Amino acid sequence: RVDDWLAEGIDQLPGGEYSERSPTYSAVVTNPALLTLARHYGRADLY
């Protein structure tokens, strides 16, 4: 399941914002989640 979601590709725009362009959701959800996956799922590329 994790691999299926990640296979969709991270929705990051060229300038560094995510597709929702929201500082709230970047800070509260997306960045913490990607850091967890980097540490606990072997996805160091997500740093």
All heavy atoms as atom14 arrays in JSON, in Angstrom:
{
  "sequence": "RVDDWLAEGIDQLPGGEYSERSPTYSAVVTNPALLTLARHYGRADLY",
  "atom14_mask": [
    [1, 1, 1, 1, 1, 1, 1, 1, 1, 1, 1, 0, 0, 0],
    [1, 1, 1, 1, 1, 1, 1, 0, 0, 0, 0, 0, 0, 0],
    [1, 1, 1, 1, 1, 1, 1, 1, 0, 0, 0, 0, 0, 0],
    [1, 1, 1, 1, 1, 1, 1, 1, 0, 0, 0, 0, 0, 0],
    [1, 1, 1, 1, 1, 1, 1, 1, 1, 1, 1, 1, 1, 1],
    [1, 1, 1, 1, 1, 1, 1, 1, 0, 0, 0, 0, 0, 0],
    [1, 1, 1, 1, 1, 0, 0, 0, 0, 0, 0, 0, 0, 0],
    [1, 1, 1, 1, 1, 1, 1, 1, 1, 0, 0, 0, 0, 0],
    [1, 1, 1, 1, 0, 0, 0, 0, 0, 0, 0, 0, 0, 0],
    [1, 1, 1, 1, 1, 1, 1, 1, 0, 0, 0, 0, 0, 0],
    [1, 1, 1, 1, 1, 1, 1, 1, 0, 0, 0, 0, 0, 0],
    [1, 1, 1, 1, 1, 1, 1, 1, 1, 0, 0, 0, 0, 0],
    [1, 1, 1, 1, 1, 1, 1, 1, 0, 0, 0, 0, 0, 0],
    [1, 1, 1, 1, 1, 1, 1, 0, 0, 0, 0, 0, 0, 0],
    [1, 1, 1, 1, 0, 0, 0, 0, 0, 0, 0, 0, 0, 0],
    [1, 1, 1, 1, 0, 0, 0, 0, 0, 0, 0, 0, 0, 0],
    [1, 1, 1, 1, 1, 1, 1, 1, 1, 0, 0, 0, 0, 0],
    [1, 1, 1, 1, 1, 1, 1, 1, 1, 1, 1, 1, 0, 0],
    [1, 1, 1, 1, 1, 1, 0, 0, 0, 0, 0, 0, 0, 0],
    [1, 1, 1, 1, 1, 1, 1, 1, 1, 0, 0, 0, 0, 0],
    [1, 1, 1, 1, 1, 1, 1, 1, 1, 1, 1, 0, 0, 0],
    [1, 1, 1, 1, 1, 1, 0, 0, 0, 0, 0, 0, 0, 0],
    [1, 1, 1, 1, 1, 1, 1, 0, 0, 0, 0, 0, 0, 0],
    [1, 1, 1, 1, 1, 1, 1, 0, 0, 0, 0, 0, 0, 0],
    [1, 1, 1, 1, 1, 1, 1, 1, 1, 1, 1, 1, 0, 0],
    [1, 1, 1, 1, 1, 1, 0, 0, 0, 0, 0, 0, 0, 0],
    [1, 1, 1, 1, 1, 0, 0, 0, 0, 0, 0, 0, 0, 0],
    [1, 1, 1, 1, 1, 1, 1, 0, 0, 0, 0, 0, 0, 0],
    [1, 1, 1, 1, 1, 1, 1, 0, 0, 0, 0, 0, 0, 0],
    [1, 1, 1, 1, 1, 1, 1, 0, 0, 0, 0, 0, 0, 0],
    [1, 1, 1, 1, 1, 1, 1, 1, 0, 0, 0, 0, 0, 0],
    [1, 1, 1, 1, 1, 1, 1, 0, 0, 0, 0, 0, 0, 0],
    [1, 1, 1, 1, 1, 0, 0, 0, 0, 0, 0, 0, 0, 0],
    [1, 1, 1, 1, 1, 1, 1, 1, 0, 0, 0, 0, 0, 0],
    [1, 1, 1, 1, 1, 1, 1, 1, 0, 0, 0, 0, 0, 0],
    [1, 1, 1, 1, 1, 1, 1, 0, 0, 0, 0, 0, 0, 0],
    [1, 1, 1, 1, 1, 1, 1, 1, 0, 0, 0, 0, 0, 0],
    [1, 1, 1, 1, 1, 0, 0, 0, 0, 0, 0, 0, 0, 0],
    [1, 1, 1, 1, 1, 1, 1, 1, 1, 1, 1, 0, 0, 0],
    [1, 1, 1, 1, 1, 1, 1, 1, 1, 1, 0, 0, 0, 0],
    [1, 1, 1, 1, 1, 1, 1, 1, 1, 1, 1, 1, 0, 0],
    [1, 1, 1, 1, 0, 0, 0, 0, 0, 0, 0, 0, 0, 0],
    [1, 1, 1, 1, 1, 1, 1, 1, 1, 1, 1, 0, 0, 0],
    [1, 1, 1, 1, 1, 0, 0, 0, 0, 0, 0, 0, 0, 0],
    [1, 1, 1, 1, 1, 1, 1, 1, 0, 0, 0, 0, 0, 0],
    [1, 1, 1, 1, 1, 1, 1, 1, 0, 0, 0, 0, 0, 0],
    [1, 1, 1, 1, 1, 1, 1, 1, 1, 1, 1, 1, 0, 0]
  ],
  "atom14_positions": [
    [[0.83, -1.21, 0.0], [0.0, 0.0, 0.0], [0.86, 1.26, 0.0], [0.59, 2.21, -0.74], [-0.93, -0.01, 1.21], [-2.0, 1.07, 1.17], [-2.88, 0.9, -0.05], [-4.17, 1.53, 0.12], [-5.17, 1.43, -0.72], [-5.02, 0.72, -1.83], [-6.33, 2.03, -0.5], [0.0, 0.0, 0.0], [0.0, 0.0, 0.0], [0.0, 0.0, 0.0]],
    [[1.88, 1.27, 0.82], [2.78, 2.43, 0.84], [3.42, 2.61, -0.52], [3.5, 3.73, -1.06], [3.85, 2.26, 1.93], [4.89, 3.36, 1.85], [3.21, 2.25, 3.32], [0.0, 0.0, 0.0], [0.0, 0.0, 0.0], [0.0, 0.0, 0.0], [0.0, 0.0, 0.0], [0.0, 0.0, 0.0], [0.0, 0.0, 0.0], [0.0, 0.0, 0.0]],
    [[3.87, 1.5, -1.11], [4.51, 1.58, -2.42], [3.54, 2.07, -3.49], [3.92, 2.82, -4.4], [5.08, 0.22, -2.82], [6.27, -0.19, -1.96], [6.85, 0.68, -1.3], [6.58, -1.4, -1.94], [0.0, 0.0, 0.0], [0.0, 0.0, 0.0], [0.0, 0.0, 0.0], [0.0, 0.0, 0.0], [0.0, 0.0, 0.0], [0.0, 0.0, 0.0]],
    [[2.27, 1.65, -3.41], [1.28, 2.09, -4.39], [1.07, 3.6, -4.32], [1.03, 4.28, -5.36], [-0.06, 1.38, -4.15], [-0.07, -0.05, -4.67], [0.83, -0.39, -5.47], [-0.96, -0.82, -4.27], [0.0, 0.0, 0.0], [0.0, 0.0, 0.0], [0.0, 0.0, 0.0], [0.0, 0.0, 0.0], [0.0, 0.0, 0.0], [0.0, 0.0, 0.0]],
    [[0.94, 4.13, -3.11], [0.76, 5.57, -2.98], [2.01, 6.31, -3.47], [1.91, 7.29, -4.22], [0.46, 5.97, -1.53], [-0.92, 5.65, -1.03], [-1.25, 4.94, 0.09], [-2.18, 6.07, -1.6], [-2.61, 4.88, 0.26], [-3.21, 5.57, -0.77], [-2.53, 6.81, -2.72], [-4.56, 5.8, -1.02], [-3.88, 7.03, -2.99], [-4.87, 6.53, -2.15]],
    [[3.18, 5.86, -3.04], [4.41, 6.55, -3.43], [4.65, 6.47, -4.93], [5.25, 7.38, -5.51], [5.6, 5.96, -2.67], [5.66, 6.28, -1.17], [6.81, 5.52, -0.51], [5.82, 7.79, -0.93], [0.0, 0.0, 0.0], [0.0, 0.0, 0.0], [0.0, 0.0, 0.0], [0.0, 0.0, 0.0], [0.0, 0.0, 0.0], [0.0, 0.0, 0.0]],
    [[4.16, 5.4, -5.56], [4.35, 5.25, -7.0], [3.59, 6.3, -7.8], [3.89, 6.52, -8.99], [3.92, 3.85, -7.45], [0.0, 0.0, 0.0], [0.0, 0.0, 0.0], [0.0, 0.0, 0.0], [0.0, 0.0, 0.0], [0.0, 0.0, 0.0], [0.0, 0.0, 0.0], [0.0, 0.0, 0.0], [0.0, 0.0, 0.0], [0.0, 0.0, 0.0]],
    [[2.64, 6.99, -7.17], [1.94, 8.07, -7.85], [2.82, 9.3, -8.04], [2.49, 10.2, -8.81], [0.68, 8.47, -7.07], [-0.37, 7.37, -7.04], [-1.68, 7.83, -6.41], [-1.79, 9.03, -6.08], [-2.59, 7.0, -6.28], [0.0, 0.0, 0.0], [0.0, 0.0, 0.0], [0.0, 0.0, 0.0], [0.0, 0.0, 0.0], [0.0, 0.0, 0.0]],
    [[3.94, 9.33, -7.33], [4.85, 10.47, -7.42], [4.49, 11.55, -6.44], [3.31, 11.82, -6.19], [0.0, 0.0, 0.0], [0.0, 0.0, 0.0], [0.0, 0.0, 0.0], [0.0, 0.0, 0.0], [0.0, 0.0, 0.0], [0.0, 0.0, 0.0], [0.0, 0.0, 0.0], [0.0, 0.0, 0.0], [0.0, 0.0, 0.0], [0.0, 0.0, 0.0]],
    [[5.5, 12.16, -5.86], [5.27, 13.25, -4.91], [4.81, 14.48, -5.69], [5.42, 14.87, -6.67], [6.55, 13.57, -4.11], [7.08, 12.3, -3.44], [6.26, 14.65, -3.08], [6.12, 11.62, -2.49], [0.0, 0.0, 0.0], [0.0, 0.0, 0.0], [0.0, 0.0, 0.0], [0.0, 0.0, 0.0], [0.0, 0.0, 0.0], [0.0, 0.0, 0.0]],
    [[3.74, 15.09, -5.25], [3.1, 16.19, -5.98], [3.8, 17.52, -5.72], [3.18, 18.49, -5.28], [1.62, 16.28, -5.62], [1.39, 16.48, -4.12], [2.09, 15.82, -3.32], [0.52, 17.29, -3.74], [0.0, 0.0, 0.0], [0.0, 0.0, 0.0], [0.0, 0.0, 0.0], [0.0, 0.0, 0.0], [0.0, 0.0, 0.0], [0.0, 0.0, 0.0]],
    [[5.07, 17.57, -6.06], [5.85, 18.78, -5.79], [6.05, 19.57, -7.08], [6.45, 19.02, -8.11], [7.21, 18.44, -5.19], [7.95, 19.64, -4.64], [9.07, 19.23, -3.7], [9.85, 18.32, -4.0], [9.15, 19.88, -2.56], [0.0, 0.0, 0.0], [0.0, 0.0, 0.0], [0.0, 0.0, 0.0], [0.0, 0.0, 0.0], [0.0, 0.0, 0.0]],
    [[5.74, 20.86, -7.0], [5.92, 21.75, -8.15], [7.39, 22.12, -8.3], [8.18, 21.98, -7.37], [5.07, 23.0, -7.95], [3.57, 22.76, -7.74], [2.85, 24.07, -7.43], [2.95, 22.08, -8.95], [0.0, 0.0, 0.0], [0.0, 0.0, 0.0], [0.0, 0.0, 0.0], [0.0, 0.0, 0.0], [0.0, 0.0, 0.0], [0.0, 0.0, 0.0]],
    [[7.8, 22.61, -9.47], [9.23, 22.89, -9.7], [9.84, 23.86, -8.7], [11.03, 23.76, -8.39], [9.23, 23.49, -11.11], [8.03, 22.9, -11.78], [7.0, 22.79, -10.7], [0.0, 0.0, 0.0], [0.0, 0.0, 0.0], [0.0, 0.0, 0.0], [0.0, 0.0, 0.0], [0.0, 0.0, 0.0], [0.0, 0.0, 0.0], [0.0, 0.0, 0.0]],
    [[9.04, 24.79, -8.15], [9.59, 25.77, -7.22], [9.71, 25.28, -5.8], [10.23, 26.0, -4.93], [0.0, 0.0, 0.0], [0.0, 0.0, 0.0], [0.0, 0.0, 0.0], [0.0, 0.0, 0.0], [0.0, 0.0, 0.0], [0.0, 0.0, 0.0], [0.0, 0.0, 0.0], [0.0, 0.0, 0.0], [0.0, 0.0, 0.0], [0.0, 0.0, 0.0]],
    [[9.24, 24.07, -5.5], [9.36, 23.52, -4.16], [8.05, 23.41, -3.4], [7.95, 22.69, -2.41], [0.0, 0.0, 0.0], [0.0, 0.0, 0.0], [0.0, 0.0, 0.0], [0.0, 0.0, 0.0], [0.0, 0.0, 0.0], [0.0, 0.0, 0.0], [0.0, 0.0, 0.0], [0.0, 0.0, 0.0], [0.0, 0.0, 0.0], [0.0, 0.0, 0.0]],
    [[7.02, 24.15, -3.84], [5.7, 24.0, -3.21], [5.09, 22.67, -3.63], [5.4, 22.15, -4.71], [4.76, 25.14, -3.64], [5.22, 26.53, -3.24], [4.87, 26.87, -1.8], [4.4, 25.99, -1.07], [5.08, 28.04, -1.42], [0.0, 0.0, 0.0], [0.0, 0.0, 0.0], [0.0, 0.0, 0.0], [0.0, 0.0, 0.0], [0.0, 0.0, 0.0]],
    [[4.22, 22.13, -2.8], [3.44, 20.96, -3.19], [2.2, 21.43, -3.94], [1.9, 22.63, -4.0], [3.08, 20.13, -1.96], [4.3, 19.66, -1.19], [4.61, 20.2, 0.06], [5.17, 18.72, -1.73], [5.74, 19.8, 0.75], [6.3, 18.31, -1.05], [6.59, 18.85, 0.2], [7.71, 18.46, 0.88], [0.0, 0.0, 0.0], [0.0, 0.0, 0.0]],
    [[1.45, 20.52, -4.53], [0.36, 20.91, -5.43], [-0.7, 21.75, -4.72], [-1.35, 22.59, -5.35], [-0.29, 19.67, -6.04], [-0.91, 18.86, -5.04], [0.0, 0.0, 0.0], [0.0, 0.0, 0.0], [0.0, 0.0, 0.0], [0.0, 0.0, 0.0], [0.0, 0.0, 0.0], [0.0, 0.0, 0.0], [0.0, 0.0, 0.0], [0.0, 0.0, 0.0]],
    [[-0.87, 21.56, -3.41], [-1.86, 22.35, -2.67], [-1.35, 23.76, -2.34], [-2.15, 24.6, -1.93], [-2.26, 21.61, -1.39], [-2.99, 20.31, -1.67], [-3.24, 19.51, -0.41], [-2.27, 19.19, 0.3], [-4.41, 19.2, -0.14], [0.0, 0.0, 0.0], [0.0, 0.0, 0.0], [0.0, 0.0, 0.0], [0.0, 0.0, 0.0], [0.0, 0.0, 0.0]],
    [[-0.07, 23.99, -2.53], [0.55, 25.31, -2.36], [0.22, 25.93, -1.0], [0.16, 27.14, -0.85], [0.11, 26.24, -3.49], [0.34, 25.67, -4.87], [0.18, 26.6, -6.02], [-0.86, 27.6, -5.96], [-1.41, 28.17, -7.02], [-1.01, 27.79, -8.24], [-2.33, 29.1, -6.91], [0.0, 0.0, 0.0], [0.0, 0.0, 0.0], [0.0, 0.0, 0.0]],
    [[0.03, 25.1, -0.01], [-0.43, 25.56, 1.3], [0.68, 25.44, 2.33], [1.14, 24.33, 2.62], [-1.63, 24.71, 1.76], [-1.88, 24.87, 3.14], [0.0, 0.0, 0.0], [0.0, 0.0, 0.0], [0.0, 0.0, 0.0], [0.0, 0.0, 0.0], [0.0, 0.0, 0.0], [0.0, 0.0, 0.0], [0.0, 0.0, 0.0], [0.0, 0.0, 0.0]],
    [[1.11, 26.56, 2.93], [2.12, 26.44, 3.98], [1.63, 25.64, 5.16], [2.41, 24.92, 5.8], [2.42, 27.9, 4.36], [1.26, 28.69, 3.86], [0.76, 27.96, 2.66], [0.0, 0.0, 0.0], [0.0, 0.0, 0.0], [0.0, 0.0, 0.0], [0.0, 0.0, 0.0], [0.0, 0.0, 0.0], [0.0, 0.0, 0.0], [0.0, 0.0, 0.0]],
    [[0.34, 25.71, 5.45], [-0.19, 24.94, 6.58], [-0.03, 23.45, 6.35], [0.5, 22.73, 7.2], [-1.68, 25.28, 6.81], [-1.81, 26.68, 7.05], [-2.23, 24.5, 7.99], [0.0, 0.0, 0.0], [0.0, 0.0, 0.0], [0.0, 0.0, 0.0], [0.0, 0.0, 0.0], [0.0, 0.0, 0.0], [0.0, 0.0, 0.0], [0.0, 0.0, 0.0]],
    [[-0.49, 22.97, 5.21], [-0.44, 21.53, 4.97], [0.97, 21.04, 4.68], [1.3, 19.88, 4.97], [-1.43, 21.14, 3.86], [-2.85, 21.18, 4.36], [-3.65, 22.29, 4.18], [-3.37, 20.11, 5.1], [-4.94, 22.34, 4.67], [-4.66, 20.16, 5.6], [-5.44, 21.27, 5.38], [-6.72, 21.32, 5.89], [0.0, 0.0, 0.0], [0.0, 0.0, 0.0]],
    [[1.81, 21.89, 4.1], [3.22, 21.5, 3.96], [3.84, 21.26, 5.32], [4.54, 20.26, 5.54], [4.0, 22.6, 3.23], [3.56, 22.75, 1.91], [0.0, 0.0, 0.0], [0.0, 0.0, 0.0], [0.0, 0.0, 0.0], [0.0, 0.0, 0.0], [0.0, 0.0, 0.0], [0.0, 0.0, 0.0], [0.0, 0.0, 0.0], [0.0, 0.0, 0.0]],
    [[3.59, 22.2, 6.25], [4.23, 22.14, 7.56], [3.63, 21.09, 8.47], [4.34, 20.43, 9.22], [4.15, 23.51, 8.23], [0.0, 0.0, 0.0], [0.0, 0.0, 0.0], [0.0, 0.0, 0.0], [0.0, 0.0, 0.0], [0.0, 0.0, 0.0], [0.0, 0.0, 0.0], [0.0, 0.0, 0.0], [0.0, 0.0, 0.0], [0.0, 0.0, 0.0]],
    [[2.32, 20.94, 8.41], [1.63, 20.09, 9.39], [1.52, 18.65, 8.92], [1.49, 17.73, 9.74], [0.22, 20.67, 9.69], [-0.57, 19.77, 10.63], [0.35, 22.07, 10.29], [0.0, 0.0, 0.0], [0.0, 0.0, 0.0], [0.0, 0.0, 0.0], [0.0, 0.0, 0.0], [0.0, 0.0, 0.0], [0.0, 0.0, 0.0], [0.0, 0.0, 0.0]],
    [[1.45, 18.43, 7.61], [1.19, 17.07, 7.12], [2.3, 16.56, 6.2], [2.97, 15.57, 6.51], [-0.17, 16.99, 6.39], [-0.46, 15.54, 5.98], [-1.3, 17.51, 7.27], [0.0, 0.0, 0.0], [0.0, 0.0, 0.0], [0.0, 0.0, 0.0], [0.0, 0.0, 0.0], [0.0, 0.0, 0.0], [0.0, 0.0, 0.0], [0.0, 0.0, 0.0]],
    [[2.5, 17.22, 5.06], [3.33, 16.61, 4.03], [4.79, 16.48, 4.44], [5.38, 15.38, 4.34], [3.23, 17.41, 2.72], [1.86, 17.44, 2.3], [4.07, 16.78, 1.63], [0.0, 0.0, 0.0], [0.0, 0.0, 0.0], [0.0, 0.0, 0.0], [0.0, 0.0, 0.0], [0.0, 0.0, 0.0], [0.0, 0.0, 0.0], [0.0, 0.0, 0.0]],
    [[5.41, 17.57, 4.91], [6.82, 17.46, 5.3], [7.05, 16.45, 6.42], [7.96, 15.61, 6.32], [7.36, 18.83, 5.69], [7.66, 19.7, 4.49], [7.72, 19.23, 3.37], [7.83, 20.99, 4.72], [0.0, 0.0, 0.0], [0.0, 0.0, 0.0], [0.0, 0.0, 0.0], [0.0, 0.0, 0.0], [0.0, 0.0, 0.0], [0.0, 0.0, 0.0]],
    [[6.26, 16.48, 7.53], [6.47, 15.46, 8.56], [6.29, 14.04, 8.04], [7.04, 13.13, 8.43], [5.41, 15.81, 9.62], [5.13, 17.25, 9.42], [5.26, 17.48, 7.94], [0.0, 0.0, 0.0], [0.0, 0.0, 0.0], [0.0, 0.0, 0.0], [0.0, 0.0, 0.0], [0.0, 0.0, 0.0], [0.0, 0.0, 0.0], [0.0, 0.0, 0.0]],
    [[5.31, 13.86, 7.15], [5.08, 12.51, 6.62], [6.26, 12.04, 5.77], [6.71, 10.89, 5.88], [3.79, 12.5, 5.79], [0.0, 0.0, 0.0], [0.0, 0.0, 0.0], [0.0, 0.0, 0.0], [0.0, 0.0, 0.0], [0.0, 0.0, 0.0], [0.0, 0.0, 0.0], [0.0, 0.0, 0.0], [0.0, 0.0, 0.0], [0.0, 0.0, 0.0]],
    [[6.77, 12.91, 4.91], [7.9, 12.52, 4.06], [9.16, 12.27, 4.89], [9.94, 11.36, 4.57], [8.16, 13.59, 3.01], [7.02, 13.85, 2.01], [7.46, 14.86, 0.96], [6.53, 12.56, 1.35], [0.0, 0.0, 0.0], [0.0, 0.0, 0.0], [0.0, 0.0, 0.0], [0.0, 0.0, 0.0], [0.0, 0.0, 0.0], [0.0, 0.0, 0.0]],
    [[9.35, 13.04, 5.96], [10.5, 12.79, 6.83], [10.38, 11.45, 7.53], [11.37, 10.73, 7.72], [10.63, 13.93, 7.85], [11.09, 15.27, 7.29], [11.0, 16.36, 8.36], [12.53, 15.18, 6.76], [0.0, 0.0, 0.0], [0.0, 0.0, 0.0], [0.0, 0.0, 0.0], [0.0, 0.0, 0.0], [0.0, 0.0, 0.0], [0.0, 0.0, 0.0]],
    [[9.17, 11.09, 7.94], [8.96, 9.77, 8.55], [9.29, 8.66, 7.56], [9.94, 7.66, 7.91], [7.5, 9.63, 9.04], [7.28, 10.58, 10.09], [7.22, 8.23, 9.57], [0.0, 0.0, 0.0], [0.0, 0.0, 0.0], [0.0, 0.0, 0.0], [0.0, 0.0, 0.0], [0.0, 0.0, 0.0], [0.0, 0.0, 0.0], [0.0, 0.0, 0.0]],
    [[8.83, 8.81, 6.31], [9.12, 7.79, 5.3], [10.61, 7.72, 5.0], [11.16, 6.65, 4.76], [8.33, 8.09, 4.03], [6.83, 7.87, 4.15], [6.08, 8.57, 3.02], [6.51, 6.38, 4.15], [0.0, 0.0, 0.0], [0.0, 0.0, 0.0], [0.0, 0.0, 0.0], [0.0, 0.0, 0.0], [0.0, 0.0, 0.0], [0.0, 0.0, 0.0]],
    [[11.3, 8.86, 5.04], [12.74, 8.86, 4.83], [13.45, 8.08, 5.92], [14.4, 7.33, 5.65], [13.25, 10.3, 4.77], [0.0, 0.0, 0.0], [0.0, 0.0, 0.0], [0.0, 0.0, 0.0], [0.0, 0.0, 0.0], [0.0, 0.0, 0.0], [0.0, 0.0, 0.0], [0.0, 0.0, 0.0], [0.0, 0.0, 0.0], [0.0, 0.0, 0.0]],
    [[13.01, 8.24, 7.16], [13.68, 7.6, 8.3], [13.27, 6.15, 8.48], [14.09, 5.31, 8.86], [13.36, 8.37, 9.59], [14.05, 9.69, 9.74], [13.81, 10.27, 11.13], [12.4, 10.5, 11.37], [11.77, 11.65, 11.14], [12.45, 12.67, 10.67], [10.49, 11.78, 11.39], [0.0, 0.0, 0.0], [0.0, 0.0, 0.0], [0.0, 0.0, 0.0]],
    [[11.98, 5.87, 8.27], [11.46, 4.56, 8.68], [11.09, 3.65, 7.52], [10.65, 2.53, 7.75], [10.23, 4.76, 9.58], [10.53, 5.42, 10.87], [11.06, 4.75, 11.95], [10.41, 6.72, 11.26], [11.23, 5.59, 12.96], [10.85, 6.79, 12.57], [0.0, 0.0, 0.0], [0.0, 0.0, 0.0], [0.0, 0.0, 0.0], [0.0, 0.0, 0.0]],
    [[11.24, 4.13, 6.28], [10.87, 3.28, 5.15], [11.96, 3.26, 4.08], [11.71, 2.88, 2.94], [9.54, 3.77, 4.55], [8.84, 2.72, 3.72], [8.31, 1.57, 4.31], [8.71, 2.88, 2.34], [7.68, 0.6, 3.55], [8.08, 1.92, 1.57], [7.57, 0.78, 2.18], [6.93, -0.18, 1.43], [0.0, 0.0, 0.0], [0.0, 0.0, 0.0]],
    [[13.14, 3.67, 4.47], [14.26, 3.57, 3.54], [14.17, 4.5, 2.35], [14.82, 4.26, 1.33], [0.0, 0.0, 0.0], [0.0, 0.0, 0.0], [0.0, 0.0, 0.0], [0.0, 0.0, 0.0], [0.0, 0.0, 0.0], [0.0, 0.0, 0.0], [0.0, 0.0, 0.0], [0.0, 0.0, 0.0], [0.0, 0.0, 0.0], [0.0, 0.0, 0.0]],
    [[13.42, 5.59, 2.46], [13.27, 6.52, 1.34], [14.06, 7.8, 1.6], [13.5, 8.89, 1.72], [11.8, 6.81, 1.09], [11.02, 5.65, 0.47], [11.52, 5.34, -0.94], [11.43, 6.5, -1.83], [10.37, 6.76, -2.6], [9.34, 5.91, -2.61], [10.36, 7.82, -3.37], [0.0, 0.0, 0.0], [0.0, 0.0, 0.0], [0.0, 0.0, 0.0]],
    [[15.37, 7.65, 1.7], [16.22, 8.81, 1.97], [16.11, 9.86, 0.88], [16.42, 11.04, 1.11], [17.68, 8.35, 2.11], [0.0, 0.0, 0.0], [0.0, 0.0, 0.0], [0.0, 0.0, 0.0], [0.0, 0.0, 0.0], [0.0, 0.0, 0.0], [0.0, 0.0, 0.0], [0.0, 0.0, 0.0], [0.0, 0.0, 0.0], [0.0, 0.0, 0.0]],
    [[15.65, 9.48, -0.32], [15.48, 10.46, -1.39], [14.45, 11.52, -1.04], [14.45, 12.63, -1.61], [15.05, 9.75, -2.68], [13.75, 8.97, -2.5], [13.72, 8.02, -1.69], [12.75, 9.32, -3.18], [0.0, 0.0, 0.0], [0.0, 0.0, 0.0], [0.0, 0.0, 0.0], [0.0, 0.0, 0.0], [0.0, 0.0, 0.0], [0.0, 0.0, 0.0]],
    [[13.54, 11.23, -0.09], [12.49, 12.18, 0.26], [13.01, 13.35, 1.08], [12.32, 14.37, 1.19], [11.36, 11.45, 1.0], [10.63, 10.38, 0.17], [9.56, 9.71, 1.01], [10.02, 11.0, -1.09], [0.0, 0.0, 0.0], [0.0, 0.0, 0.0], [0.0, 0.0, 0.0], [0.0, 0.0, 0.0], [0.0, 0.0, 0.0], [0.0, 0.0, 0.0]],
    [[14.2, 13.22, 1.64], [14.8, 14.39, 2.29], [14.93, 15.55, 1.29], [14.74, 16.72, 1.65], [16.17, 14.05, 2.85], [16.15, 13.28, 4.14], [16.6, 11.96, 4.19], [15.68, 13.85, 5.32], [16.58, 11.23, 5.38], [15.66, 13.14, 6.51], [16.11, 11.83, 6.53], [16.08, 11.12, 7.71], [0.0, 0.0, 0.0], [0.0, 0.0, 0.0]]
  ]
}
